[in-house]
């Protein structure tokens, strides 16, 4: 009787090396905003938002991966390199706008930039459609 053990490892290469960190010409990803706040929205509202960024480095920027903290947050981005001085967009679709409650999700962006990992956030509150809008306080003149 012969027993065979097979062990396989699947290691993904890192998109960032120490060379990128120490290279003064490396790509640098700079976001306009790191947080998108939907605010208080009615149930069924549009769950789409965008995060705009710019390559402020001197080499092409490659987004290796963009992952959300859960399956209800779906990011999409261009797989093409972003040249120095150019801009790009990460689109995010939060699919649970039909469920009342607090929104608090993260999107992790991994790239070949000096700042190779950036965490973006979406937040807000979804409320039922039948929640009445807050009425402004009325003013009453004092009686004389």
C-alpha atoms as a PDB file:
ATOM      1  CA  UNK A   1       0.000   0.000   0.000  1.00  0.00           C
ATOM      2  CA  UNK A   2       1.336   3.371  -0.987  1.00  0.00           C
ATOM      3  CA  UNK A   3       0.142   6.701   0.417  1.00  0.00           C
ATOM      4  CA  UNK A   4       0.732   9.838  -1.561  1.00  0.00           C
ATOM      5  CA  UNK A   5       0.332  13.310  -0.149  1.00  0.00           C
ATOM      6  CA  UNK A   6      -0.028  16.194  -2.516  1.00  0.00           C
ATOM      7  CA  UNK A   7       0.342  19.693  -1.211  1.00  0.00           C
ATOM      8  CA  UNK A   8      -0.267  22.679  -3.411  1.00  0.00           C
ATOM      9  CA  UNK A   9       0.142  26.302  -2.481  1.00  0.00           C
ATOM     10  CA  UNK A  10      -1.341  29.147  -4.423  1.00  0.00           C
ATOM     11  CA  UNK A  11       0.464  32.343  -3.554  1.00  0.00           C
ATOM     12  CA  UNK A  12      -0.433  35.482  -5.424  1.00  0.00           C
ATOM     13  CA  UNK A  13       2.461  37.783  -6.157  1.00  0.00           C
ATOM     14  CA  UNK A  14       2.332  41.089  -4.367  1.00  0.00           C
ATOM     15  CA  UNK A  15       1.593  44.059  -6.598  1.00  0.00           C
ATOM     16  CA  UNK A  16       3.819  46.184  -4.424  1.00  0.00           C
ATOM     17  CA  UNK A  17       7.438  45.515  -3.833  1.00  0.00           C
ATOM     18  CA  UNK A  18       9.951  47.412  -1.761  1.00  0.00           C
ATOM     19  CA  UNK A  19      11.260  48.742  -5.061  1.00  0.00           C
ATOM     20  CA  UNK A  20       7.940  50.561  -5.662  1.00  0.00           C
ATOM     21  CA  UNK A  21       7.963  51.956  -2.140  1.00  0.00           C
ATOM     22  CA  UNK A  22      11.484  53.308  -2.537  1.00  0.00           C
ATOM     23  CA  UNK A  23      11.153  54.386  -6.176  1.00  0.00           C
ATOM     24  CA  UNK A  24      10.631  58.184  -6.364  1.00  0.00           C
ATOM     25  CA  UNK A  25       8.991  57.708  -9.782  1.00  0.00           C
ATOM     26  CA  UNK A  26       6.361  55.188  -8.633  1.00  0.00           C
ATOM     27  CA  UNK A  27       2.682  55.694  -9.292  1.00  0.00           C
ATOM     28  CA  UNK A  28       0.719  57.414  -6.517  1.00  0.00           C
ATOM     29  CA  UNK A  29      -3.056  57.078  -6.257  1.00  0.00           C
ATOM     30  CA  UNK A  30      -4.795  60.197  -4.933  1.00  0.00           C
ATOM     31  CA  UNK A  31      -8.563  60.114  -4.319  1.00  0.00           C
ATOM     32  CA  UNK A  32     -10.837  63.165  -4.317  1.00  0.00           C
ATOM     33  CA  UNK A  33     -12.722  61.608  -1.362  1.00  0.00           C
ATOM     34  CA  UNK A  34     -12.200  58.449   0.660  1.00  0.00           C
ATOM     35  CA  UNK A  35     -15.800  58.365   1.933  1.00  0.00           C
ATOM     36  CA  UNK A  36     -19.106  58.552   0.069  1.00  0.00           C
ATOM     37  CA  UNK A  37     -21.970  59.521   2.370  1.00  0.00           C
ATOM     38  CA  UNK A  38     -25.394  58.731   0.927  1.00  0.00           C
ATOM     39  CA  UNK A  39     -26.918  60.602   3.862  1.00  0.00           C
ATOM     40  CA  UNK A  40     -30.461  59.601   4.825  1.00  0.00           C
ATOM     41  CA  UNK A  41     -32.188  58.118   1.791  1.00  0.00           C
ATOM     42  CA  UNK A  42     -35.581  56.577   1.167  1.00  0.00           C
ATOM     43  CA  UNK A  43     -35.896  52.821   0.720  1.00  0.00           C
ATOM     44  CA  UNK A  44     -35.293  51.949  -2.950  1.00  0.00           C
ATOM     45  CA  UNK A  45     -32.969  54.914  -3.636  1.00  0.00           C
ATOM     46  CA  UNK A  46     -30.151  54.660  -6.178  1.00  0.00           C
ATOM     47  CA  UNK A  47     -27.189  52.826  -4.632  1.00  0.00           C
ATOM     48  CA  UNK A  48     -24.601  53.934  -7.199  1.00  0.00           C
ATOM     49  CA  UNK A  49     -21.669  56.203  -6.406  1.00  0.00           C
ATOM     50  CA  UNK A  50     -18.204  56.935  -7.779  1.00  0.00           C
ATOM     51  CA  UNK A  51     -14.765  57.463  -6.314  1.00  0.00           C
ATOM     52  CA  UNK A  52     -12.544  59.588  -8.560  1.00  0.00           C
ATOM     53  CA  UNK A  53      -8.779  59.322  -8.352  1.00  0.00           C
ATOM     54  CA  UNK A  54      -5.681  60.671 -10.072  1.00  0.00           C
ATOM     55  CA  UNK A  55      -2.273  59.149 -10.688  1.00  0.00           C
ATOM     56  CA  UNK A  56      -0.052  61.823  -9.135  1.00  0.00           C
ATOM     57  CA  UNK A  57       3.079  59.714  -9.582  1.00  0.00           C
ATOM     58  CA  UNK A  58       5.447  59.380 -12.530  1.00  0.00           C
ATOM     59  CA  UNK A  59       4.758  55.805 -13.671  1.00  0.00           C
ATOM     60  CA  UNK A  60       1.540  54.127 -14.897  1.00  0.00           C
ATOM     61  CA  UNK A  61      -0.899  53.151 -12.148  1.00  0.00           C
ATOM     62  CA  UNK A  62      -2.415  49.670 -12.262  1.00  0.00           C
ATOM     63  CA  UNK A  63      -5.349  48.748 -10.040  1.00  0.00           C
ATOM     64  CA  UNK A  64      -4.689  45.089  -9.280  1.00  0.00           C
ATOM     65  CA  UNK A  65      -7.856  44.502  -7.257  1.00  0.00           C
ATOM     66  CA  UNK A  66     -10.825  46.335  -5.780  1.00  0.00           C
ATOM     67  CA  UNK A  67     -12.717  44.321  -3.154  1.00  0.00           C
ATOM     68  CA  UNK A  68     -15.752  45.193  -1.098  1.00  0.00           C
ATOM     69  CA  UNK A  69     -16.286  44.108   2.489  1.00  0.00           C
ATOM     70  CA  UNK A  70     -19.444  42.214   1.510  1.00  0.00           C
ATOM     71  CA  UNK A  71     -21.327  40.916  -1.514  1.00  0.00           C
ATOM     72  CA  UNK A  72     -23.936  43.697  -1.349  1.00  0.00           C
ATOM     73  CA  UNK A  73     -21.328  46.252  -2.443  1.00  0.00           C
ATOM     74  CA  UNK A  74     -20.175  45.772  -6.028  1.00  0.00           C
ATOM     75  CA  UNK A  75     -17.187  47.755  -7.298  1.00  0.00           C
ATOM     76  CA  UNK A  76     -16.163  48.098 -10.955  1.00  0.00           C
ATOM     77  CA  UNK A  77     -13.106  49.766 -12.460  1.00  0.00           C
ATOM     78  CA  UNK A  78     -11.061  49.966 -15.625  1.00  0.00           C
ATOM     79  CA  UNK A  79      -8.339  47.365 -15.959  1.00  0.00           C
ATOM     80  CA  UNK A  80      -6.291  49.698 -18.183  1.00  0.00           C
ATOM     81  CA  UNK A  81      -3.231  51.449 -16.677  1.00  0.00           C
ATOM     82  CA  UNK A  82      -3.806  55.056 -15.620  1.00  0.00           C
ATOM     83  CA  UNK A  83      -0.988  57.190 -16.976  1.00  0.00           C
ATOM     84  CA  UNK A  84       0.710  59.847 -14.832  1.00  0.00           C
ATOM     85  CA  UNK A  85      -1.457  62.939 -14.485  1.00  0.00           C
ATOM     86  CA  UNK A  86      -4.579  61.099 -15.689  1.00  0.00           C
ATOM     87  CA  UNK A  87      -7.706  60.286 -13.737  1.00  0.00           C
ATOM     88  CA  UNK A  88      -9.833  57.210 -13.214  1.00  0.00           C
ATOM     89  CA  UNK A  89     -13.029  56.185 -11.493  1.00  0.00           C
ATOM     90  CA  UNK A  90     -14.108  53.313  -9.294  1.00  0.00           C
ATOM     91  CA  UNK A  91     -17.868  52.809  -9.516  1.00  0.00           C
ATOM     92  CA  UNK A  92     -19.662  51.244  -6.572  1.00  0.00           C
ATOM     93  CA  UNK A  93     -23.176  49.817  -6.478  1.00  0.00           C
ATOM     94  CA  UNK A  94     -24.676  49.234  -3.039  1.00  0.00           C
ATOM     95  CA  UNK A  95     -27.455  46.726  -3.740  1.00  0.00           C
ATOM     96  CA  UNK A  96     -29.283  46.783  -0.390  1.00  0.00           C
ATOM     97  CA  UNK A  97     -31.070  50.140  -0.782  1.00  0.00           C
ATOM     98  CA  UNK A  98     -34.322  48.203  -0.371  1.00  0.00           C
ATOM     99  CA  UNK A  99     -33.433  47.294   3.209  1.00  0.00           C
ATOM    100  CA  UNK A 100     -33.864  49.996   5.870  1.00  0.00           C
ATOM    101  CA  UNK A 101     -30.899  50.433   8.186  1.00  0.00           C
ATOM    102  CA  UNK A 102     -27.406  51.841   8.482  1.00  0.00           C
ATOM    103  CA  UNK A 103     -24.942  51.572   5.569  1.00  0.00           C
ATOM    104  CA  UNK A 104     -21.298  51.102   6.550  1.00  0.00           C
ATOM    105  CA  UNK A 105     -19.131  49.250   4.008  1.00  0.00           C
ATOM    106  CA  UNK A 106     -15.493  49.354   2.947  1.00  0.00           C
ATOM    107  CA  UNK A 107     -13.851  48.944  -0.447  1.00  0.00           C
ATOM    108  CA  UNK A 108     -10.150  48.010  -0.458  1.00  0.00           C
ATOM    109  CA  UNK A 109      -8.155  49.191  -3.476  1.00  0.00           C
ATOM    110  CA  UNK A 110      -4.873  47.395  -4.191  1.00  0.00           C
ATOM    111  CA  UNK A 111      -2.475  48.812  -6.771  1.00  0.00           C
ATOM    112  CA  UNK A 112       1.151  49.150  -7.797  1.00  0.00           C
ATOM    113  CA  UNK A 113       1.328  52.641  -6.240  1.00  0.00           C
ATOM    114  CA  UNK A 114       3.550  53.724  -3.368  1.00  0.00           C
ATOM    115  CA  UNK A 115       0.367  53.796  -1.303  1.00  0.00           C
ATOM    116  CA  UNK A 116      -0.550  50.345  -2.571  1.00  0.00           C
ATOM    117  CA  UNK A 117      -3.571  49.777  -0.334  1.00  0.00           C
ATOM    118  CA  UNK A 118      -6.288  52.397   0.113  1.00  0.00           C
ATOM    119  CA  UNK A 119      -9.561  51.788   1.940  1.00  0.00           C
ATOM    120  CA  UNK A 120     -12.654  53.626   0.709  1.00  0.00           C
ATOM    121  CA  UNK A 121     -15.957  53.738   2.621  1.00  0.00           C
ATOM    122  CA  UNK A 122     -19.629  54.179   1.897  1.00  0.00           C
ATOM    123  CA  UNK A 123     -22.059  55.150   4.625  1.00  0.00           C
ATOM    124  CA  UNK A 124     -25.571  56.403   5.156  1.00  0.00           C
ATOM    125  CA  UNK A 125     -28.989  55.383   6.405  1.00  0.00           C
ATOM    126  CA  UNK A 126     -31.862  53.845   4.449  1.00  0.00           C
ATOM    127  CA  UNK A 127     -35.314  54.691   5.870  1.00  0.00           C
ATOM    128  CA  UNK A 128     -38.823  53.419   5.099  1.00  0.00           C
ATOM    129  CA  UNK A 129     -40.721  55.323   2.410  1.00  0.00           C
ATOM    130  CA  UNK A 130     -43.522  56.213   4.791  1.00  0.00           C
ATOM    131  CA  UNK A 131     -41.303  58.164   7.200  1.00  0.00           C
ATOM    132  CA  UNK A 132     -42.639  61.725   7.108  1.00  0.00           C
ATOM    133  CA  UNK A 133     -40.211  64.523   6.457  1.00  0.00           C
ATOM    134  CA  UNK A 134     -39.372  66.563   9.506  1.00  0.00           C
ATOM    135  CA  UNK A 135     -41.527  69.678   9.530  1.00  0.00           C
ATOM    136  CA  UNK A 136     -39.870  72.975  10.389  1.00  0.00           C
ATOM    137  CA  UNK A 137     -40.775  74.452  13.742  1.00  0.00           C
ATOM    138  CA  UNK A 138     -43.473  77.077  13.474  1.00  0.00           C
ATOM    139  CA  UNK A 139     -43.036  80.334  15.251  1.00  0.00           C
ATOM    140  CA  UNK A 140     -45.726  81.727  17.485  1.00  0.00           C
ATOM    141  CA  UNK A 141     -45.816  85.368  18.449  1.00  0.00           C
ATOM    142  CA  UNK A 142     -46.187  85.954  22.149  1.00  0.00           C
ATOM    143  CA  UNK A 143     -49.581  87.271  23.178  1.00  0.00           C
ATOM    144  CA  UNK A 144     -49.764  90.746  24.649  1.00  0.00           C
END
